[in-house]
């Protein structure tokens, strides 16, 4: 697997965060992966990073942007 260039990881993380903000009623991981054109596992990795930072949360099967 190719390494990401400097800043690319944070850019992708921000992209996931913006997508979550657009789906106020939540979005499933698979749906988000389709929208982004990414593998589901990649999407999951970024969602988990956002969750650790307190920027996203999962309720049932849907992901939401944490209110700031």
N, C-alpha and C. Protein backbone atom coordinates (compact mmCIF):
# COMPACT_ATOMS: atom_id res chain seq x y z
N UNK A 1 0.84 -1.18 0.00
CA UNK A 1 0.00 0.00 0.00
C UNK A 1 0.89 1.25 0.00
N UNK A 2 0.53 2.19 -0.80
CA UNK A 2 1.31 3.43 -0.92
C UNK A 2 1.11 4.31 0.30
N UNK A 3 2.18 5.00 0.67
CA UNK A 3 2.10 5.93 1.79
C UNK A 3 1.46 7.22 1.33
N UNK A 4 0.73 7.86 2.26
CA UNK A 4 0.11 9.15 1.96
C UNK A 4 1.13 10.27 2.12
N UNK A 5 1.01 11.28 1.28
CA UNK A 5 1.90 12.43 1.38
C UNK A 5 1.53 13.26 2.61
N UNK A 6 2.44 14.13 3.02
CA UNK A 6 2.22 15.00 4.17
C UNK A 6 0.91 15.77 4.00
N UNK A 7 0.09 15.75 5.02
CA UNK A 7 -1.15 16.50 5.01
C UNK A 7 -2.31 15.79 4.34
N UNK A 8 -2.03 14.75 3.57
CA UNK A 8 -3.11 14.06 2.85
C UNK A 8 -4.06 13.33 3.82
N UNK A 9 -3.50 12.78 4.87
CA UNK A 9 -4.33 12.07 5.85
C UNK A 9 -5.29 13.04 6.53
N UNK A 10 -4.81 14.20 6.92
CA UNK A 10 -5.68 15.19 7.56
C UNK A 10 -6.71 15.75 6.57
N UNK A 11 -6.33 15.86 5.29
CA UNK A 11 -7.28 16.31 4.26
C UNK A 11 -8.41 15.30 4.10
N UNK A 12 -8.08 14.02 4.08
CA UNK A 12 -9.09 12.98 3.95
C UNK A 12 -9.98 12.93 5.19
N UNK A 13 -9.38 13.11 6.34
CA UNK A 13 -10.15 13.14 7.58
C UNK A 13 -11.15 14.29 7.57
N UNK A 14 -10.73 15.44 7.10
CA UNK A 14 -11.60 16.61 7.02
C UNK A 14 -12.72 16.37 6.01
N UNK A 15 -12.42 15.66 4.93
CA UNK A 15 -13.42 15.35 3.92
C UNK A 15 -14.53 14.48 4.53
N UNK A 16 -14.16 13.49 5.33
CA UNK A 16 -15.14 12.64 6.01
C UNK A 16 -15.97 13.49 6.97
N UNK A 17 -15.33 14.37 7.70
CA UNK A 17 -16.01 15.23 8.66
C UNK A 17 -17.04 16.12 7.97
N UNK A 18 -16.68 16.70 6.84
CA UNK A 18 -17.62 17.53 6.07
C UNK A 18 -18.80 16.72 5.56
N UNK A 19 -18.55 15.51 5.11
CA UNK A 19 -19.64 14.64 4.63
C UNK A 19 -20.61 14.33 5.77
N UNK A 20 -20.08 14.06 6.95
CA UNK A 20 -20.93 13.78 8.11
C UNK A 20 -21.81 14.99 8.43
N UNK A 21 -21.26 16.16 8.29
CA UNK A 21 -22.00 17.39 8.59
C UNK A 21 -23.18 17.56 7.64
N UNK A 22 -23.06 17.07 6.42
CA UNK A 22 -24.14 17.19 5.44
C UNK A 22 -25.29 16.22 5.70
N UNK A 23 -25.01 15.17 6.46
CA UNK A 23 -26.03 14.14 6.74
C UNK A 23 -26.48 14.28 8.20
N UNK A 24 -27.36 15.22 8.45
CA UNK A 24 -27.76 15.51 9.83
C UNK A 24 -28.53 14.36 10.47
N UNK A 25 -29.09 13.48 9.66
CA UNK A 25 -29.81 12.33 10.20
C UNK A 25 -28.94 11.08 10.22
N UNK A 26 -27.65 11.27 9.98
CA UNK A 26 -26.69 10.18 10.03
C UNK A 26 -26.51 9.49 8.69
N UNK A 27 -25.44 8.74 8.59
CA UNK A 27 -25.14 7.99 7.38
C UNK A 27 -24.40 6.71 7.78
N UNK A 28 -24.72 5.65 7.07
CA UNK A 28 -24.05 4.38 7.33
C UNK A 28 -22.68 4.37 6.67
N UNK A 29 -21.80 3.60 7.26
CA UNK A 29 -20.42 3.53 6.78
C UNK A 29 -20.34 3.13 5.30
N UNK A 30 -21.13 2.16 4.88
CA UNK A 30 -21.12 1.72 3.49
C UNK A 30 -21.58 2.81 2.53
N UNK A 31 -22.60 3.55 2.93
CA UNK A 31 -23.10 4.65 2.11
C UNK A 31 -22.05 5.75 1.98
N UNK A 32 -21.40 6.04 3.09
CA UNK A 32 -20.35 7.06 3.09
C UNK A 32 -19.18 6.63 2.19
N UNK A 33 -18.83 5.36 2.26
CA UNK A 33 -17.77 4.82 1.41
C UNK A 33 -18.10 4.99 -0.07
N UNK A 34 -19.35 4.71 -0.42
CA UNK A 34 -19.77 4.88 -1.81
C UNK A 34 -19.68 6.33 -2.25
N UNK A 35 -20.14 7.24 -1.39
CA UNK A 35 -20.08 8.67 -1.72
C UNK A 35 -18.64 9.14 -1.94
N UNK A 36 -17.74 8.63 -1.11
CA UNK A 36 -16.34 9.05 -1.18
C UNK A 36 -15.56 8.30 -2.26
N UNK A 37 -16.07 7.14 -2.67
CA UNK A 37 -15.35 6.31 -3.63
C UNK A 37 -14.18 5.59 -3.02
N UNK A 38 -14.28 5.29 -1.72
CA UNK A 38 -13.21 4.64 -0.98
C UNK A 38 -13.64 3.24 -0.57
N UNK A 39 -12.64 2.42 -0.22
CA UNK A 39 -12.92 1.13 0.38
C UNK A 39 -13.56 1.36 1.75
N UNK A 40 -14.42 0.45 2.13
CA UNK A 40 -15.13 0.60 3.40
C UNK A 40 -14.17 0.63 4.59
N UNK A 41 -13.13 -0.16 4.54
CA UNK A 41 -12.16 -0.21 5.64
C UNK A 41 -11.45 1.14 5.81
N UNK A 42 -11.14 1.79 4.70
CA UNK A 42 -10.49 3.10 4.75
C UNK A 42 -11.42 4.11 5.42
N UNK A 43 -12.67 4.09 5.01
CA UNK A 43 -13.66 4.99 5.60
C UNK A 43 -13.78 4.73 7.10
N UNK A 44 -13.83 3.46 7.48
CA UNK A 44 -13.92 3.10 8.89
C UNK A 44 -12.74 3.65 9.68
N UNK A 45 -11.55 3.57 9.11
CA UNK A 45 -10.36 4.08 9.81
C UNK A 45 -10.49 5.58 10.10
N UNK A 46 -10.97 6.33 9.13
CA UNK A 46 -11.12 7.77 9.33
C UNK A 46 -12.27 8.09 10.30
N UNK A 47 -13.34 7.32 10.24
CA UNK A 47 -14.44 7.52 11.18
C UNK A 47 -13.98 7.26 12.61
N UNK A 48 -13.20 6.22 12.80
CA UNK A 48 -12.68 5.90 14.15
C UNK A 48 -11.73 6.99 14.66
N UNK A 49 -10.92 7.54 13.76
CA UNK A 49 -10.03 8.65 14.16
C UNK A 49 -10.85 9.85 14.61
N UNK A 50 -11.91 10.18 13.85
CA UNK A 50 -12.77 11.29 14.22
C UNK A 50 -13.48 11.02 15.55
N UNK A 51 -13.86 9.77 15.75
CA UNK A 51 -14.52 9.39 17.01
C UNK A 51 -13.57 9.59 18.19
N UNK A 52 -12.33 9.18 18.02
CA UNK A 52 -11.33 9.34 19.08
C UNK A 52 -11.08 10.80 19.42
N UNK A 53 -11.21 11.66 18.41
CA UNK A 53 -10.99 13.10 18.60
C UNK A 53 -12.26 13.81 19.09
N UNK A 54 -13.36 13.07 19.24
CA UNK A 54 -14.60 13.67 19.70
C UNK A 54 -15.33 14.46 18.63
N UNK A 55 -15.05 14.17 17.35
CA UNK A 55 -15.67 14.90 16.25
C UNK A 55 -16.78 14.12 15.56
N UNK A 56 -16.93 12.84 15.92
CA UNK A 56 -17.96 11.99 15.33
C UNK A 56 -18.38 10.94 16.35
N UNK A 57 -19.58 10.40 16.15
CA UNK A 57 -20.03 9.32 17.00
C UNK A 57 -20.94 8.39 16.21
N UNK A 58 -21.05 7.17 16.71
CA UNK A 58 -21.87 6.16 16.05
C UNK A 58 -23.06 5.85 16.95
N UNK A 59 -24.23 5.83 16.34
CA UNK A 59 -25.46 5.49 17.05
C UNK A 59 -26.16 4.43 16.22
N UNK A 60 -26.25 3.22 16.74
CA UNK A 60 -26.77 2.12 15.94
C UNK A 60 -25.81 1.84 14.81
N UNK A 61 -26.31 1.90 13.58
CA UNK A 61 -25.44 1.66 12.42
C UNK A 61 -25.03 2.94 11.72
N UNK A 62 -25.50 4.06 12.21
CA UNK A 62 -25.24 5.34 11.54
C UNK A 62 -24.19 6.16 12.28
N UNK A 63 -23.46 6.94 11.49
CA UNK A 63 -22.45 7.85 12.00
C UNK A 63 -22.96 9.29 11.92
N UNK A 64 -22.57 10.09 12.90
CA UNK A 64 -22.99 11.48 13.00
C UNK A 64 -21.81 12.36 13.31
N UNK A 65 -21.89 13.62 12.90
CA UNK A 65 -20.90 14.62 13.28
C UNK A 65 -21.25 15.07 14.69
N UNK A 66 -20.26 15.11 15.53
CA UNK A 66 -20.45 15.57 16.92
C UNK A 66 -20.69 17.07 16.91
N UNK A 67 -21.69 17.51 17.66
CA UNK A 67 -21.94 18.96 17.78
C UNK A 67 -20.76 19.61 18.49
N UNK A 68 -20.34 20.70 17.92
CA UNK A 68 -19.17 21.39 18.51
C UNK A 68 -19.58 22.63 19.22
